[in-house]
N, C-alpha and C. Protein backbone atom coordinates (compact mmCIF):
# COMPACT_ATOMS: atom_id res chain seq x y z
N MET A 1 67.58 -96.07 75.71
CA MET A 1 68.06 -96.94 76.77
C MET A 1 68.46 -98.29 76.17
N ASP A 2 69.55 -98.81 76.66
CA ASP A 2 70.02 -100.11 76.23
C ASP A 2 69.09 -101.19 76.77
N LYS A 3 68.76 -102.16 75.95
CA LYS A 3 67.81 -103.21 76.34
C LYS A 3 68.49 -104.47 76.86
N THR A 4 69.74 -104.37 77.31
CA THR A 4 70.46 -105.51 77.82
C THR A 4 69.76 -106.07 79.05
N LYS A 5 69.52 -107.38 79.07
CA LYS A 5 68.84 -108.00 80.20
C LYS A 5 69.77 -108.22 81.38
N PHE A 6 71.06 -108.34 81.12
CA PHE A 6 72.04 -108.58 82.18
C PHE A 6 73.14 -107.53 82.12
N PRO A 7 72.86 -106.30 82.56
CA PRO A 7 73.89 -105.25 82.57
C PRO A 7 74.85 -105.43 83.74
N SER A 8 75.99 -104.79 83.66
CA SER A 8 76.93 -104.80 84.78
C SER A 8 76.34 -103.97 85.93
N ILE A 9 76.96 -104.02 87.08
CA ILE A 9 76.49 -103.23 88.22
C ILE A 9 76.52 -101.75 87.89
N ARG A 10 77.58 -101.29 87.26
CA ARG A 10 77.69 -99.88 86.90
C ARG A 10 76.59 -99.45 85.93
N GLU A 11 76.33 -100.29 84.92
CA GLU A 11 75.27 -99.98 83.96
C GLU A 11 73.90 -100.00 84.63
N THR A 12 73.70 -100.90 85.57
CA THR A 12 72.44 -100.98 86.32
C THR A 12 72.23 -99.71 87.13
N ALA A 13 73.27 -99.21 87.75
CA ALA A 13 73.17 -97.98 88.55
C ALA A 13 72.79 -96.79 87.68
N LYS A 14 73.28 -96.75 86.46
CA LYS A 14 72.93 -95.65 85.55
C LYS A 14 71.45 -95.69 85.18
N ARG A 15 70.87 -96.88 85.10
CA ARG A 15 69.45 -97.03 84.79
C ARG A 15 68.57 -96.67 85.99
N GLY A 16 69.11 -96.86 87.20
CA GLY A 16 68.32 -96.62 88.40
C GLY A 16 67.57 -97.87 88.79
N PRO A 17 66.91 -97.92 89.86
CA PRO A 17 66.65 -96.86 90.83
C PRO A 17 67.65 -96.84 92.00
N LEU A 18 68.66 -97.72 92.00
CA LEU A 18 69.62 -97.78 93.11
C LEU A 18 71.00 -97.30 92.68
N SER A 19 71.76 -96.81 93.65
CA SER A 19 73.12 -96.35 93.37
C SER A 19 74.06 -97.55 93.20
N GLU A 20 75.20 -97.28 92.62
CA GLU A 20 76.21 -98.33 92.45
C GLU A 20 76.65 -98.88 93.80
N TYR A 21 76.81 -98.00 94.77
CA TYR A 21 77.21 -98.41 96.12
C TYR A 21 76.20 -99.39 96.71
N CYS A 22 74.92 -99.06 96.61
CA CYS A 22 73.86 -99.91 97.16
C CYS A 22 73.84 -101.27 96.45
N LEU A 23 73.99 -101.25 95.13
CA LEU A 23 74.00 -102.49 94.36
C LEU A 23 75.18 -103.38 94.76
N ARG A 24 76.34 -102.77 94.97
CA ARG A 24 77.52 -103.56 95.37
C ARG A 24 77.35 -104.15 96.77
N LEU A 25 76.71 -103.41 97.66
CA LEU A 25 76.42 -103.96 98.99
C LEU A 25 75.48 -105.16 98.89
N MET A 26 74.45 -105.02 98.10
CA MET A 26 73.50 -106.13 97.90
C MET A 26 74.20 -107.34 97.31
N GLN A 27 75.11 -107.11 96.38
CA GLN A 27 75.83 -108.21 95.75
C GLN A 27 76.71 -108.94 96.77
N LYS A 28 77.37 -108.19 97.62
CA LYS A 28 78.22 -108.81 98.65
C LYS A 28 77.40 -109.60 99.66
N GLN A 29 76.16 -109.16 99.91
CA GLN A 29 75.27 -109.85 100.85
C GLN A 29 74.53 -111.01 100.21
N GLY A 30 74.70 -111.19 98.89
CA GLY A 30 74.03 -112.27 98.18
C GLY A 30 72.57 -111.97 97.88
N LYS A 31 72.19 -110.71 97.91
CA LYS A 31 70.79 -110.31 97.69
C LYS A 31 70.53 -109.73 96.30
N LEU A 32 71.56 -109.62 95.49
CA LEU A 32 71.41 -109.04 94.15
C LEU A 32 71.27 -110.17 93.13
N PRO A 33 70.13 -110.22 92.41
CA PRO A 33 69.95 -111.29 91.44
C PRO A 33 70.86 -111.10 90.22
N GLY A 34 71.55 -112.16 89.85
CA GLY A 34 72.43 -112.08 88.70
C GLY A 34 73.39 -113.25 88.66
N VAL A 35 74.36 -113.16 87.76
CA VAL A 35 75.33 -114.23 87.56
C VAL A 35 76.72 -113.64 87.34
N TYR A 36 77.72 -114.46 87.57
CA TYR A 36 79.09 -114.08 87.25
C TYR A 36 79.43 -114.54 85.84
N SER A 37 80.10 -113.67 85.11
CA SER A 37 80.67 -114.02 83.82
C SER A 37 82.16 -113.73 83.98
N GLY A 38 82.90 -114.77 84.32
CA GLY A 38 84.30 -114.57 84.69
C GLY A 38 84.33 -113.87 86.04
N LYS A 39 85.02 -112.74 86.12
CA LYS A 39 85.07 -111.97 87.36
C LYS A 39 83.98 -110.91 87.44
N LYS A 40 83.28 -110.69 86.33
CA LYS A 40 82.29 -109.62 86.26
C LYS A 40 80.91 -110.13 86.68
N PHE A 41 80.22 -109.38 87.54
CA PHE A 41 78.88 -109.74 87.97
C PHE A 41 77.87 -109.03 87.07
N LEU A 42 76.96 -109.80 86.49
CA LEU A 42 75.93 -109.25 85.62
C LEU A 42 74.58 -109.36 86.33
N VAL A 43 73.87 -108.25 86.41
CA VAL A 43 72.63 -108.16 87.16
C VAL A 43 71.45 -108.58 86.30
N ASN A 44 70.57 -109.40 86.87
CA ASN A 44 69.31 -109.73 86.21
C ASN A 44 68.39 -108.55 86.52
N TYR A 45 68.34 -107.58 85.61
CA TYR A 45 67.67 -106.30 85.85
C TYR A 45 66.17 -106.47 86.08
N ALA A 46 65.51 -107.29 85.27
CA ALA A 46 64.07 -107.49 85.42
C ALA A 46 63.74 -108.09 86.79
N ARG A 47 64.55 -109.04 87.22
CA ARG A 47 64.33 -109.67 88.52
C ARG A 47 64.61 -108.70 89.67
N LEU A 48 65.60 -107.84 89.50
CA LEU A 48 65.90 -106.82 90.50
C LEU A 48 64.71 -105.90 90.69
N LEU A 49 64.10 -105.45 89.59
CA LEU A 49 62.94 -104.57 89.68
C LEU A 49 61.77 -105.28 90.36
N GLU A 50 61.56 -106.55 90.04
CA GLU A 50 60.50 -107.33 90.69
C GLU A 50 60.77 -107.45 92.18
N GLN A 51 62.02 -107.71 92.54
CA GLN A 51 62.41 -107.86 93.94
C GLN A 51 62.15 -106.56 94.71
N LEU A 52 62.55 -105.44 94.14
CA LEU A 52 62.34 -104.15 94.80
C LEU A 52 60.86 -103.82 94.92
N ASP A 53 60.10 -104.16 93.90
CA ASP A 53 58.65 -103.91 93.93
C ASP A 53 58.00 -104.75 95.03
N ALA A 54 58.42 -106.00 95.17
CA ALA A 54 57.87 -106.89 96.19
C ALA A 54 58.22 -106.42 97.61
N GLU A 55 59.37 -105.76 97.74
CA GLU A 55 59.80 -105.24 99.04
C GLU A 55 59.18 -103.89 99.35
N GLY A 56 58.41 -103.37 98.40
CA GLY A 56 57.74 -102.09 98.64
C GLY A 56 58.49 -100.87 98.14
N GLY A 57 59.53 -101.09 97.34
CA GLY A 57 60.27 -99.97 96.78
C GLY A 57 59.46 -99.28 95.70
N ASN A 58 59.69 -98.01 95.52
CA ASN A 58 58.99 -97.26 94.48
C ASN A 58 59.75 -97.37 93.18
N VAL A 59 59.35 -98.31 92.33
CA VAL A 59 60.01 -98.54 91.05
C VAL A 59 59.01 -98.24 89.95
N GLU A 60 59.45 -97.45 88.97
CA GLU A 60 58.56 -97.15 87.84
C GLU A 60 59.18 -97.57 86.55
């Protein structure tokens, strides 16, 4: 597994636990932790997992 801390939305979906569609919806709603690098949105993967865990999602 790639150890990138800020993967793209597509790379994040490949890692799981959410689909690309779900991640893009969260990003549009402003609920996906991350930053823009130019036009590309990079997800803060560790923070996403913490957020899902706090919301009661089953993340392993």
